[in-house]
Amino acid sequence: MTVEYGELGDLKEGSYVVIDGEPCRVVDVSKAKTGKHGSAKVHLVAIGLFTGSRKTVTGPSDQRIEIPIIDKRVAQVIAVLGDRVQLMDLESYETFEVDMPKDESIASKLSPGTEVEYWSALGKRFIYRIR
C-alpha cells in the first residue's frame, strides 16, 4: 500500500485519509477541547473516493492515521464496455480497465478518443474528470 502517516489533528477539509481501507476525502472536521487533564478530540467526516459512502472517525488529535498517496494521471479512452471503460495511460501507454464512473455527467461524455484524468490510490484506479 502507498500510504504515509499523519496525525488526526493536522487534517483539514479537502485533505485525504484512509478509513476502513478506503481512501476518503475529508468534508468536515470538528475539534473539541476536553477537560483539565484530557486531550483534544477530533471528529472527522469523509466521503469514500471509490464508493461515495460517508465515513466518520473520532479520536484524540495526536492519533496516527494513514494518508493515501494519490497518483493523478491522464489517459485516453479506448473503448466503453458496458459498465467498464478501457483506458490507455498517455505517459506509459499501459492499457487497463476501470469501472464506469457513478457520476452521470462524466459517464455520458465518455467515448473513444476522449482524454480523462484518472486517480490511482491503494492499488485501485478511477476516472476523476474529463479533460
Protein backbone atom coordinates (compact mmCIF):
# COMPACT_ATOMS: atom_id res chain seq x y z
CA MET A 1 0.00 0.00 0.00
CA THR A 2 1.15 3.50 -0.76
CA VAL A 3 0.37 5.48 2.36
CA GLU A 4 2.10 7.91 4.66
CA TYR A 5 1.22 8.66 8.26
CA GLY A 6 -0.02 11.85 9.87
CA GLU A 7 -1.90 12.98 12.96
CA LEU A 8 -5.66 13.25 13.12
CA GLY A 9 -5.47 16.82 14.46
CA ASP A 10 -3.47 18.03 11.43
CA LEU A 11 -6.15 17.13 8.86
CA LYS A 12 -8.23 19.85 7.22
CA GLU A 13 -11.25 19.88 4.92
CA GLY A 14 -10.23 18.78 1.43
CA SER A 15 -7.37 16.55 2.59
CA TYR A 16 -7.38 12.77 2.14
CA VAL A 17 -7.36 9.95 4.69
CA VAL A 18 -7.69 6.14 4.71
CA ILE A 19 -10.74 4.91 6.66
CA ASP A 20 -11.53 1.17 6.77
CA GLY A 21 -9.04 0.52 3.97
CA GLU A 22 -10.64 3.02 1.57
CA PRO A 23 -9.20 6.40 0.56
CA CYS A 24 -11.59 9.20 1.53
CA ARG A 25 -11.82 12.97 1.06
CA VAL A 26 -12.37 14.92 4.30
CA VAL A 27 -15.53 17.07 4.17
CA ASP A 28 -15.89 18.15 7.82
CA VAL A 29 -13.54 18.44 10.80
CA SER A 30 -14.61 19.47 14.28
CA LYS A 31 -12.30 19.72 17.28
CA ALA A 32 -13.34 19.67 20.92
CA LYS A 33 -11.04 20.62 23.79
CA THR A 34 -11.85 18.39 26.73
CA GLY A 35 -11.30 18.95 30.45
CA LYS A 36 -8.26 19.82 32.52
CA HIS A 37 -6.34 16.55 32.01
CA GLY A 38 -7.95 15.28 28.81
CA SER A 39 -6.65 15.60 25.30
CA ALA A 40 -8.36 17.39 22.43
CA LYS A 41 -10.75 15.20 20.42
CA VAL A 42 -11.27 15.35 16.68
CA HIS A 43 -14.44 14.28 14.85
CA LEU A 44 -13.80 13.74 11.13
CA VAL A 45 -16.39 13.15 8.38
CA ALA A 46 -15.18 11.90 4.99
CA ILE A 47 -16.60 10.63 1.69
CA GLY A 48 -15.09 7.48 0.08
CA LEU A 49 -13.44 8.05 -3.31
CA PHE A 50 -14.49 4.68 -4.77
CA THR A 51 -17.88 4.05 -3.14
CA GLY A 52 -19.07 7.57 -2.30
CA SER A 53 -20.10 6.36 1.15
CA ARG A 54 -19.92 8.61 4.21
CA LYS A 55 -17.43 7.56 6.91
CA THR A 56 -16.58 9.05 10.30
CA VAL A 57 -13.62 8.85 12.67
CA THR A 58 -13.41 10.17 16.21
CA GLY A 59 -10.22 10.13 18.26
CA PRO A 60 -7.58 12.13 20.08
CA SER A 61 -5.85 14.81 18.00
CA ASP A 62 -2.46 13.09 18.30
CA GLN A 63 -3.74 9.73 16.95
CA ARG A 64 -1.73 8.47 13.96
CA ILE A 65 -3.76 7.94 10.81
CA GLU A 66 -2.97 6.74 7.27
CA ILE A 67 -2.93 9.29 4.46
CA PRO A 68 -3.10 7.84 0.91
CA ILE A 69 -0.61 8.85 -1.74
CA ILE A 70 -2.78 9.61 -4.78
CA ASP A 71 -1.22 9.42 -8.24
CA LYS A 72 -3.06 11.72 -10.68
CA ARG A 73 -2.52 10.84 -14.35
CA VAL A 74 -4.00 11.39 -17.81
CA ALA A 75 -5.36 8.64 -20.05
CA GLN A 76 -7.28 8.24 -23.28
CA VAL A 77 -10.50 6.23 -23.56
CA ILE A 78 -10.02 3.27 -25.91
CA ALA A 79 -13.43 1.62 -25.53
CA VAL A 80 -16.59 1.80 -23.43
CA LEU A 81 -17.55 -1.77 -22.46
CA GLY A 82 -20.92 -1.50 -20.70
CA ASP A 83 -20.10 -0.98 -17.01
CA ARG A 84 -16.29 -0.87 -17.64
CA VAL A 85 -14.08 1.60 -19.51
CA GLN A 86 -10.80 0.64 -21.19
CA LEU A 87 -8.09 3.32 -20.86
CA MET A 88 -4.55 3.87 -22.12
CA ASP A 89 -2.14 5.90 -19.97
CA LEU A 90 -0.66 8.71 -22.08
CA GLU A 91 2.78 8.51 -20.41
CA SER A 92 3.45 4.77 -20.12
CA TYR A 93 0.99 3.59 -22.85
CA GLU A 94 -0.26 0.93 -20.42
CA THR A 95 -3.82 -0.23 -21.11
CA PHE A 96 -6.21 -1.17 -18.31
CA GLU A 97 -9.89 -1.22 -17.40
CA VAL A 98 -11.73 0.75 -14.71
CA ASP A 99 -15.34 0.80 -13.56
CA MET A 100 -17.75 3.20 -15.22
CA PRO A 101 -17.97 6.40 -13.11
CA LYS A 102 -21.08 6.71 -10.94
CA ASP A 103 -21.34 10.41 -11.83
CA GLU A 104 -23.74 10.52 -14.78
CA SER A 105 -22.30 13.82 -16.11
CA ILE A 106 -18.90 12.15 -16.59
CA ALA A 107 -20.23 8.78 -17.80
CA SER A 108 -22.37 10.37 -20.53
CA LYS A 109 -19.34 12.15 -22.07
CA LEU A 110 -17.10 9.06 -22.31
CA SER A 111 -16.39 7.93 -25.86
CA PRO A 112 -13.33 6.50 -27.64
CA GLY A 113 -10.64 9.18 -28.01
CA THR A 114 -11.72 11.25 -25.00
CA GLU A 115 -8.94 12.28 -22.61
CA VAL A 116 -9.67 11.78 -18.91
CA GLU A 117 -7.86 12.36 -15.63
CA TYR A 118 -7.72 9.23 -13.52
CA TRP A 119 -6.55 8.80 -9.95
CA SER A 120 -4.72 5.77 -8.61
CA ALA A 121 -4.82 5.15 -4.85
CA LEU A 122 -4.19 1.99 -2.80
CA GLY A 123 -3.90 -0.14 -5.94
CA LYS A 124 -7.25 0.93 -7.41
CA ARG A 125 -7.97 3.37 -10.22
CA PHE A 126 -10.98 5.51 -11.05
CA ILE A 127 -11.87 8.24 -13.53
CA TYR A 128 -11.93 11.60 -11.77
CA ARG A 129 -12.88 14.01 -14.57
CA ILE A 130 -12.93 14.68 -18.32
CA ARG A 131 -10.06 16.86 -19.57
